[in-house]
Amino acid sequence: MTPLLTINSLTLRAGERALLRGVDLAVRESELHALLGANGAGKSTLAYTIMGCASYAPQEGEMRFAGERLNDLPLHERARRGLALAWQEPARFEGLSVAQFLRAGTHDSDPAAALAAVALTPTDYLDRPLDKTLSGGERKRIELAGVLTLKPRLAILDEPTAGIDFLTVDEIVGVIDAFRLTGSAVLLITHQESLAARADTASQLCGGRIVCAGAPATVIENFKARRCTRCNGVTCGHG
């Protein structure tokens, strides 16, 4: 089966610094693929590059989604084709209620069901303004609910750098299950071994390179052997 997302030899530089170095990655339909790595390894950079964010145009390599070349498509066209990204830091949308935000991307969504999927009580949140009165954790959950209403073909979930202060491991797993029930594939960006262990397949990013890929248990063992807490931008020599 041809993968839904295929990345070949992807390289991204900022000046003289290489942020991504010949990355190869494949995510299949309806798959949960964990991208594991220490903070600073390039995980979020790869997510922004896949999504087509400004200043994240690769100098080398190719990205294909459902067989179509992505490199030259702007962000909104990638979104139209079924790519969606939940950012590390959730945004505020002043002037919108939570319900209005959740209905913004599609008219046939069920905001209440989306909120319930991210462990928020719909009656407590649907009419609340999406502003600074909400905590970071609440905004993160609402953002995830918004991505869920889009029913993307591939959801890229960028776990907050701070760890699981926004959601517990079980709650993150519940959100992933909700995406998969809609048929979405999920690329989960994480530094947590317990989350990577739940995946169908996994890849480890270190110094902007994929250094290990395959069964989650194998990738986790390689990640543990490197003993990384923060990536220094140079691929380490373990494993």
Protein backbone atom coordinates (compact mmCIF):
# COMPACT_ATOMS: atom_id res chain seq x y z
CA MET A 1 0.00 0.00 0.00
CA THR A 2 1.32 3.46 -0.94
CA PRO A 3 1.78 5.61 2.18
CA LEU A 4 -0.54 8.58 2.69
CA LEU A 5 2.43 10.86 3.46
CA THR A 6 5.88 10.21 2.00
CA ILE A 7 8.94 12.33 2.76
CA ASN A 8 12.21 11.69 0.94
CA SER A 9 15.62 13.27 1.67
CA LEU A 10 14.08 16.42 3.16
CA THR A 11 16.62 19.11 4.07
CA LEU A 12 15.86 22.50 5.59
CA ARG A 13 18.47 25.12 6.37
CA ALA A 14 18.27 28.44 8.19
CA GLY A 15 21.35 30.31 7.00
CA GLU A 16 24.31 28.02 7.59
CA ARG A 17 22.45 25.85 10.08
CA ALA A 18 20.80 22.62 8.97
CA LEU A 19 17.51 22.12 10.85
CA LEU A 20 16.47 18.98 8.95
CA ARG A 21 19.06 16.71 7.37
CA GLY A 22 17.86 14.30 4.70
CA VAL A 23 14.70 13.21 6.53
CA ASP A 24 12.86 10.13 5.24
CA LEU A 25 9.43 9.40 6.71
CA ALA A 26 6.25 7.56 5.70
CA VAL A 27 2.80 7.62 7.35
CA ARG A 28 0.11 5.23 6.15
CA GLU A 29 -3.66 5.62 6.02
CA SER A 30 -5.33 5.39 9.47
CA GLU A 31 -1.94 4.81 11.14
CA LEU A 32 -0.72 6.22 14.43
CA HIS A 33 2.92 7.12 13.80
CA ALA A 34 4.92 8.48 16.72
CA LEU A 35 7.80 10.87 16.01
CA LEU A 36 9.98 10.58 19.09
CA GLY A 37 12.85 12.87 20.01
CA ALA A 38 14.33 15.14 22.64
CA ASN A 39 13.45 18.83 22.78
CA GLY A 40 15.37 20.63 20.05
CA ALA A 41 15.69 17.56 17.80
CA GLY A 42 13.65 19.19 15.01
CA LYS A 43 10.24 17.58 15.58
CA SER A 44 8.21 20.78 15.43
CA THR A 45 10.34 22.05 12.54
CA LEU A 46 9.39 18.93 10.58
CA ALA A 47 5.70 19.44 11.42
CA TYR A 48 5.77 23.07 10.23
CA THR A 49 7.58 22.03 7.06
CA ILE A 50 4.99 19.36 6.27
CA MET A 51 2.19 21.86 6.87
CA GLY A 52 3.82 24.54 4.69
CA CYS A 53 4.27 27.27 7.30
CA ALA A 54 6.05 30.47 6.28
CA SER A 55 9.87 30.25 6.36
CA TYR A 56 9.76 26.44 6.35
CA ALA A 57 10.34 25.74 2.64
CA PRO A 58 12.87 22.91 2.27
CA GLN A 59 15.91 23.39 0.06
CA GLU A 60 16.14 19.70 -0.87
CA GLY A 61 13.92 16.64 -0.91
CA GLU A 62 10.29 15.97 -1.63
CA MET A 63 7.02 15.61 0.26
CA ARG A 64 4.01 13.80 -1.21
CA PHE A 65 0.53 13.52 0.23
CA ALA A 66 -1.88 11.00 -1.31
CA GLY A 67 0.55 10.86 -4.23
CA GLU A 68 0.57 14.62 -4.85
CA ARG A 69 3.72 16.69 -4.44
CA LEU A 70 3.35 19.11 -1.54
CA ASN A 71 6.51 21.21 -1.80
CA ASP A 72 5.02 24.06 -3.82
CA LEU A 73 1.54 24.09 -2.27
CA PRO A 74 0.70 26.89 0.23
CA LEU A 75 -0.57 26.04 3.70
CA HIS A 76 -4.25 26.58 2.90
CA GLU A 77 -4.07 24.21 -0.08
CA ARG A 78 -2.46 21.53 2.07
CA ALA A 79 -5.28 22.01 4.58
CA ARG A 80 -7.87 21.64 1.80
CA ARG A 81 -6.33 18.31 0.88
CA GLY A 82 -6.74 16.99 4.40
CA LEU A 83 -3.65 17.97 6.38
CA ALA A 84 -4.19 19.53 9.81
CA LEU A 85 -1.79 20.60 12.56
CA ALA A 86 -2.41 21.12 16.27
CA TRP A 87 0.25 23.61 17.32
CA GLN A 88 2.51 23.36 20.38
CA GLU A 89 1.10 26.64 21.72
CA PRO A 90 -2.66 26.99 21.12
CA ALA A 91 -3.86 30.28 19.68
CA ARG A 92 -6.54 32.64 21.01
CA PHE A 93 -9.36 33.84 18.80
CA GLU A 94 -10.78 36.92 20.49
CA GLY A 95 -14.43 37.63 19.70
CA LEU A 96 -15.43 34.02 19.02
CA SER A 97 -17.28 31.68 21.31
CA VAL A 98 -16.01 28.13 21.61
CA ALA A 99 -19.00 26.88 19.61
CA GLN A 100 -18.36 29.41 16.81
CA PHE A 101 -14.71 28.38 16.66
CA LEU A 102 -15.59 24.69 16.45
CA ARG A 103 -18.07 25.34 13.63
CA ALA A 104 -15.70 27.59 11.67
CA GLY A 105 -14.03 24.88 9.62
CA THR A 106 -17.08 22.81 8.69
CA HIS A 107 -20.85 23.13 8.87
CA ASP A 108 -21.61 19.49 9.62
CA SER A 109 -19.49 19.19 12.75
CA ASP A 110 -20.80 18.38 16.21
CA PRO A 111 -19.07 20.80 18.62
CA ALA A 112 -20.46 19.05 21.69
CA ALA A 113 -19.09 15.66 20.63
CA ALA A 114 -15.71 17.21 19.81
CA LEU A 115 -15.48 18.80 23.26
CA ALA A 116 -16.47 15.56 24.96
CA ALA A 117 -13.69 13.78 23.02
CA VAL A 118 -11.10 16.09 24.61
CA ALA A 119 -12.55 15.66 28.11
CA LEU A 120 -14.40 18.99 28.32
CA THR A 121 -18.05 19.22 29.39
CA PRO A 122 -19.91 20.79 26.42
CA THR A 123 -22.45 22.69 28.53
CA ASP A 124 -19.60 24.36 30.42
CA TYR A 125 -17.71 25.52 27.32
CA LEU A 126 -19.85 25.96 24.20
CA ASP A 127 -20.91 29.53 25.05
CA ARG A 128 -17.62 30.66 26.61
CA PRO A 129 -15.49 33.19 24.73
CA LEU A 130 -12.24 31.83 23.34
CA ASP A 131 -10.03 34.36 25.10
CA LYS A 132 -7.59 34.88 27.97
CA THR A 133 -10.15 33.72 30.53
CA LEU A 134 -9.37 30.16 29.39
CA SER A 135 -6.27 28.45 30.72
CA GLY A 136 -3.56 27.11 28.42
CA GLY A 137 -4.80 23.60 29.04
CA GLU A 138 -8.38 24.52 28.15
CA ARG A 139 -7.26 26.28 24.97
CA LYS A 140 -5.15 23.28 23.97
CA ARG A 141 -8.10 20.93 24.41
CA ILE A 142 -10.39 23.26 22.42
CA GLU A 143 -7.80 23.52 19.66
CA LEU A 144 -7.65 19.72 19.45
CA ALA A 145 -11.45 19.62 19.32
CA GLY A 146 -11.30 22.09 16.43
CA VAL A 147 -8.89 19.89 14.49
CA LEU A 148 -11.11 16.89 15.23
CA THR A 149 -14.15 18.62 13.67
CA LEU A 150 -12.19 18.97 10.40
CA LYS A 151 -11.92 15.17 10.08
CA PRO A 152 -8.51 15.46 8.39
CA ARG A 153 -6.89 12.65 6.47
CA LEU A 154 -3.74 13.28 8.51
CA ALA A 155 -3.69 15.04 11.88
CA ILE A 156 -0.27 16.22 13.07
CA LEU A 157 -0.44 16.53 16.85
CA ASP A 158 2.48 18.50 18.27
CA GLU A 159 2.61 17.73 21.97
CA PRO A 160 3.39 20.76 24.19
CA THR A 161 7.06 21.09 25.13
CA ALA A 162 6.08 21.27 28.79
CA GLY A 163 4.94 17.66 28.70
CA ILE A 164 1.52 16.50 29.89
CA ASP A 165 0.52 19.58 31.85
CA PHE A 166 -2.24 20.14 29.27
CA LEU A 167 -3.53 16.56 29.02
CA THR A 168 -2.72 13.30 30.74
CA VAL A 169 -1.36 10.37 28.77
CA ASP A 170 -4.74 8.62 28.88
CA GLU A 171 -6.50 11.78 27.69
CA ILE A 172 -4.07 12.15 24.78
CA VAL A 173 -4.72 8.52 23.87
CA GLY A 174 -8.46 9.24 24.02
CA VAL A 175 -8.03 12.16 21.61
CA ILE A 176 -5.99 10.00 19.24
CA ASP A 177 -8.69 7.31 19.36
CA ALA A 178 -11.30 9.94 18.45
CA PHE A 179 -9.26 10.93 15.38
CA ARG A 180 -8.83 7.34 14.32
CA LEU A 181 -12.54 6.65 14.64
CA THR A 182 -13.06 9.28 11.91
CA GLY A 183 -10.49 7.51 9.71
CA SER A 184 -7.69 10.00 10.27
CA ALA A 185 -4.05 8.99 10.34
CA VAL A 186 -2.13 10.63 13.19
CA LEU A 187 1.48 11.80 13.31
CA LEU A 188 2.10 12.26 17.03
CA ILE A 189 5.12 14.40 17.88
CA THR A 190 6.32 13.55 21.36
CA HIS A 191 9.27 13.07 23.69
CA GLN A 192 7.30 10.68 25.91
CA GLU A 193 8.09 7.00 25.63
CA SER A 194 4.73 6.02 27.13
CA LEU A 195 2.91 7.71 24.24
CA ALA A 196 5.24 6.36 21.56
CA ALA A 197 4.60 2.86 22.90
CA ARG A 198 0.91 3.18 21.89
CA ALA A 199 1.76 3.81 18.22
CA ASP A 200 1.55 1.42 15.26
CA THR A 201 5.01 2.50 14.13
CA ALA A 202 7.56 5.06 15.26
CA SER A 203 10.53 7.12 14.12
CA GLN A 204 13.22 8.84 16.16
CA LEU A 205 14.50 12.26 15.20
CA CYS A 206 17.91 13.36 16.47
CA GLY A 207 19.89 16.36 15.26
CA GLY A 208 17.43 16.85 12.41
CA ARG A 209 17.84 13.26 11.15
CA ILE A 210 15.71 10.14 11.40
CA VAL A 211 18.11 7.81 13.20
CA CYS A 212 15.77 4.89 13.91
CA ALA A 213 12.40 3.78 12.51
CA GLY A 214 10.16 0.76 12.84
CA ALA A 215 8.47 -0.98 15.74
CA PRO A 216 7.79 1.40 18.65
CA ALA A 217 9.63 -0.84 21.13
CA THR A 218 12.77 -0.76 18.99
CA VAL A 219 12.65 3.01 18.54
CA ILE A 220 12.02 3.58 22.25
CA GLU A 221 15.03 1.44 23.20
CA ASN A 222 17.22 3.43 20.83
CA PHE A 223 15.88 6.68 22.25
CA LYS A 224 16.57 5.51 25.80
CA ALA A 225 20.12 4.44 24.87
CA ARG A 226 20.92 7.96 23.72
CA ARG A 227 19.91 9.39 27.11
CA CYS A 228 18.99 12.71 25.48
CA THR A 229 17.14 15.36 27.48
CA ARG A 230 17.71 18.12 24.93
CA CYS A 231 19.13 17.81 21.44
CA ASN A 232 22.27 19.83 20.74
CA GLY A 233 21.69 19.73 16.98
CA VAL A 234 24.33 17.07 16.35
CA THR A 235 23.34 13.46 15.78
CA CYS A 236 24.71 11.46 18.69
CA GLY A 237 26.71 8.34 18.20
CA HIS A 238 24.65 5.88 20.24
CA GLY A 239 22.70 3.13 18.55
